Each structure stands twice: as C-alpha cells, then as structure tokens.
Amino acid sequence: MPFIQVNILKGRSPEQKEKLIREMTNVAMDVLDAPEQSVRVMIQEMEPEHWGIAGESIKKRKEGSK
C-alpha cells in the first residue's frame, strides 16, 4: 500500500489539494503498478512561520520581498 505524504504551506485552494491527491495517486498507480484503492495521500499544511529556509521563516522572507 503506497503512502504518500506531502508537506505544503497553507494557502492552497481545496480544488488544488484535490488535484494534487488525484495526480499523486495516478503517479503511484503508474510507477508502482499499484491499484487505486491501495494508494493513500496525506497533505500536511504548515504555517509559513513554521518553515524556514537559510535561517529565516518563509513568512519573514515573504514580508521582506514586499
């Protein structure tokens, strides 16, 4: 049973998340020859202040680019 875990920043629409789940499922079915019913996809959304790059949070980086 393939289990795919995706970490993304909050802010995507429900439609985007549904599409991501569908596409990740399709890839697992194709690459792993897995039956659709066996594929699990979990999306974890994180606050921008909980994810950092090069020593500062994404939130701070976005604020600095304005």
N, C-alpha and C. Protein backbone atom coordinates (compact mmCIF):
# COMPACT_ATOMS: atom_id res chain seq x y z
N MET A 1 0.85 -1.17 0.00
CA MET A 1 0.00 0.00 0.00
C MET A 1 0.89 1.24 0.00
N PRO A 2 0.96 1.97 -1.11
CA PRO A 2 1.73 3.21 -1.14
C PRO A 2 1.09 4.27 -0.24
N PHE A 3 1.94 4.92 0.55
CA PHE A 3 1.51 6.03 1.39
C PHE A 3 2.37 7.22 1.04
N ILE A 4 1.75 8.26 0.49
CA ILE A 4 2.47 9.45 0.04
C ILE A 4 2.13 10.59 0.97
N GLN A 5 3.17 11.20 1.54
CA GLN A 5 2.99 12.32 2.46
C GLN A 5 3.57 13.57 1.81
N VAL A 6 2.76 14.63 1.76
CA VAL A 6 3.15 15.88 1.11
C VAL A 6 3.06 17.00 2.13
N ASN A 7 4.13 17.76 2.27
CA ASN A 7 4.15 18.93 3.14
C ASN A 7 4.09 20.19 2.27
N ILE A 8 3.10 21.04 2.53
CA ILE A 8 2.96 22.29 1.78
C ILE A 8 2.63 23.43 2.74
N LEU A 9 2.87 24.64 2.29
CA LEU A 9 2.45 25.80 3.06
C LEU A 9 0.95 25.97 2.92
N LYS A 10 0.32 26.49 3.97
CA LYS A 10 -1.12 26.78 3.91
C LYS A 10 -1.38 27.82 2.83
N GLY A 11 -2.58 27.75 2.28
CA GLY A 11 -2.97 28.78 1.32
C GLY A 11 -3.46 28.22 -0.01
N ARG A 12 -3.35 26.92 -0.23
CA ARG A 12 -3.85 26.34 -1.47
C ARG A 12 -5.35 26.13 -1.37
N SER A 13 -6.01 26.20 -2.49
CA SER A 13 -7.47 26.02 -2.52
C SER A 13 -7.81 24.54 -2.36
N PRO A 14 -9.05 24.26 -1.94
CA PRO A 14 -9.48 22.86 -1.88
C PRO A 14 -9.36 22.16 -3.23
N GLU A 15 -9.63 22.89 -4.31
CA GLU A 15 -9.52 22.31 -5.64
C GLU A 15 -8.08 21.92 -5.97
N GLN A 16 -7.13 22.75 -5.59
CA GLN A 16 -5.73 22.43 -5.83
C GLN A 16 -5.31 21.20 -5.04
N LYS A 17 -5.78 21.10 -3.81
CA LYS A 17 -5.43 19.93 -2.99
C LYS A 17 -6.06 18.66 -3.54
N GLU A 18 -7.30 18.75 -4.01
CA GLU A 18 -7.94 17.59 -4.63
C GLU A 18 -7.18 17.14 -5.88
N LYS A 19 -6.73 18.12 -6.68
CA LYS A 19 -5.96 17.79 -7.89
C LYS A 19 -4.64 17.14 -7.51
N LEU A 20 -3.98 17.65 -6.48
CA LEU A 20 -2.72 17.07 -6.03
C LEU A 20 -2.92 15.62 -5.60
N ILE A 21 -3.97 15.37 -4.84
CA ILE A 21 -4.27 14.00 -4.40
C ILE A 21 -4.50 13.09 -5.61
N ARG A 22 -5.28 13.55 -6.57
CA ARG A 22 -5.57 12.76 -7.77
C ARG A 22 -4.29 12.47 -8.54
N GLU A 23 -3.47 13.51 -8.77
CA GLU A 23 -2.26 13.34 -9.57
C GLU A 23 -1.23 12.45 -8.88
N MET A 24 -1.08 12.61 -7.57
CA MET A 24 -0.15 11.75 -6.83
C MET A 24 -0.62 10.29 -6.87
N THR A 25 -1.93 10.10 -6.78
CA THR A 25 -2.49 8.76 -6.89
C THR A 25 -2.21 8.17 -8.26
N ASN A 26 -2.43 8.96 -9.30
CA ASN A 26 -2.18 8.49 -10.66
C ASN A 26 -0.72 8.09 -10.87
N VAL A 27 0.20 8.88 -10.34
CA VAL A 27 1.62 8.58 -10.49
C VAL A 27 1.96 7.27 -9.78
N ALA A 28 1.46 7.10 -8.56
CA ALA A 28 1.74 5.87 -7.82
C ALA A 28 1.17 4.66 -8.56
N MET A 29 -0.02 4.81 -9.12
CA MET A 29 -0.62 3.72 -9.88
C MET A 29 0.25 3.36 -11.08
N ASP A 30 0.75 4.37 -11.77
CA ASP A 30 1.54 4.17 -12.98
C ASP A 30 2.93 3.62 -12.67
N VAL A 31 3.64 4.27 -11.78
CA VAL A 31 5.03 3.91 -11.49
C VAL A 31 5.14 2.61 -10.70
N LEU A 32 4.26 2.45 -9.72
CA LEU A 32 4.35 1.29 -8.83
C LEU A 32 3.40 0.15 -9.21
N ASP A 33 2.62 0.37 -10.25
CA ASP A 33 1.60 -0.60 -10.66
C ASP A 33 0.69 -0.94 -9.47
N ALA A 34 0.33 0.11 -8.72
CA ALA A 34 -0.49 -0.06 -7.52
C ALA A 34 -1.96 0.13 -7.87
N PRO A 35 -2.83 -0.69 -7.30
CA PRO A 35 -4.26 -0.47 -7.51
C PRO A 35 -4.69 0.84 -6.84
N GLU A 36 -5.59 1.55 -7.48
CA GLU A 36 -6.05 2.85 -6.98
C GLU A 36 -6.49 2.78 -5.52
N GLN A 37 -7.22 1.73 -5.17
CA GLN A 37 -7.77 1.61 -3.82
C GLN A 37 -6.70 1.47 -2.75
N SER A 38 -5.47 1.13 -3.17
CA SER A 38 -4.40 0.94 -2.18
C SER A 38 -3.58 2.19 -1.92
N VAL A 39 -3.76 3.22 -2.74
CA VAL A 39 -2.93 4.43 -2.64
C VAL A 39 -3.51 5.38 -1.59
N ARG A 40 -2.65 5.84 -0.70
CA ARG A 40 -3.03 6.82 0.33
C ARG A 40 -2.18 8.07 0.14
N VAL A 41 -2.82 9.23 0.21
CA VAL A 41 -2.11 10.51 0.10
C VAL A 41 -2.51 11.36 1.29
N MET A 42 -1.51 11.88 2.01
CA MET A 42 -1.79 12.75 3.14
C MET A 42 -1.10 14.09 2.90
N ILE A 43 -1.88 15.15 2.98
CA ILE A 43 -1.34 16.50 2.84
C ILE A 43 -1.25 17.12 4.23
N GLN A 44 -0.07 17.59 4.57
CA GLN A 44 0.11 18.33 5.82
C GLN A 44 0.39 19.77 5.45
N GLU A 45 -0.43 20.66 5.96
CA GLU A 45 -0.25 22.08 5.70
C GLU A 45 0.45 22.73 6.88
N MET A 46 1.41 23.57 6.56
CA MET A 46 2.18 24.24 7.60
C MET A 46 2.03 25.75 7.49
N GLU A 47 2.05 26.38 8.62
CA GLU A 47 2.05 27.84 8.66
C GLU A 47 3.39 28.34 8.12
N PRO A 48 3.40 29.47 7.40
CA PRO A 48 4.66 29.99 6.86
C PRO A 48 5.72 30.27 7.93
N GLU A 49 5.28 30.58 9.14
CA GLU A 49 6.26 30.85 10.21
C GLU A 49 6.84 29.56 10.81
N HIS A 50 6.32 28.41 10.38
CA HIS A 50 6.81 27.12 10.89
C HIS A 50 7.77 26.44 9.91
N TRP A 51 8.14 27.10 8.83
CA TRP A 51 9.02 26.52 7.82
C TRP A 51 10.10 27.55 7.51
N GLY A 52 11.33 27.13 7.58
CA GLY A 52 12.43 28.07 7.36
C GLY A 52 13.36 27.66 6.25
N ILE A 53 13.97 28.66 5.64
CA ILE A 53 15.00 28.48 4.61
C ILE A 53 16.13 29.44 4.94
N ALA A 54 17.34 28.92 4.97
CA ALA A 54 18.54 29.73 5.17
C ALA A 54 18.44 30.61 6.42
N GLY A 55 17.90 30.05 7.49
CA GLY A 55 17.90 30.75 8.77
C GLY A 55 16.75 31.67 9.05
N GLU A 56 15.76 31.75 8.16
CA GLU A 56 14.60 32.58 8.46
C GLU A 56 13.33 31.93 7.93
N SER A 57 12.22 32.25 8.57
CA SER A 57 10.95 31.64 8.21
C SER A 57 10.49 32.12 6.83
N ILE A 58 9.66 31.30 6.22
CA ILE A 58 9.06 31.68 4.93
C ILE A 58 8.25 32.96 5.10
N LYS A 59 7.55 33.08 6.23
CA LYS A 59 6.75 34.28 6.48
C LYS A 59 7.64 35.52 6.45
N LYS A 60 8.77 35.46 7.14
CA LYS A 60 9.68 36.61 7.17
C LYS A 60 10.26 36.88 5.79
N ARG A 61 10.60 35.84 5.06
CA ARG A 61 11.15 36.01 3.71
C ARG A 61 10.14 36.69 2.80
N LYS A 62 8.85 36.28 2.91
CA LYS A 62 7.81 36.90 2.07
C LYS A 62 7.60 38.36 2.44
N GLU A 63 7.63 38.66 3.73
CA GLU A 63 7.46 40.03 4.20
C GLU A 63 8.59 40.91 3.69
N GLY A 64 9.79 40.37 3.62
CA GLY A 64 10.96 41.12 3.16
C GLY A 64 10.96 41.39 1.67
N SER A 65 10.17 40.60 0.90
CA SER A 65 10.16 40.79 -0.56
C SER A 65 9.10 41.78 -1.00
N LYS A 66 8.37 42.35 -0.06
CA LYS A 66 7.31 43.31 -0.43
C LYS A 66 7.88 44.68 -0.65
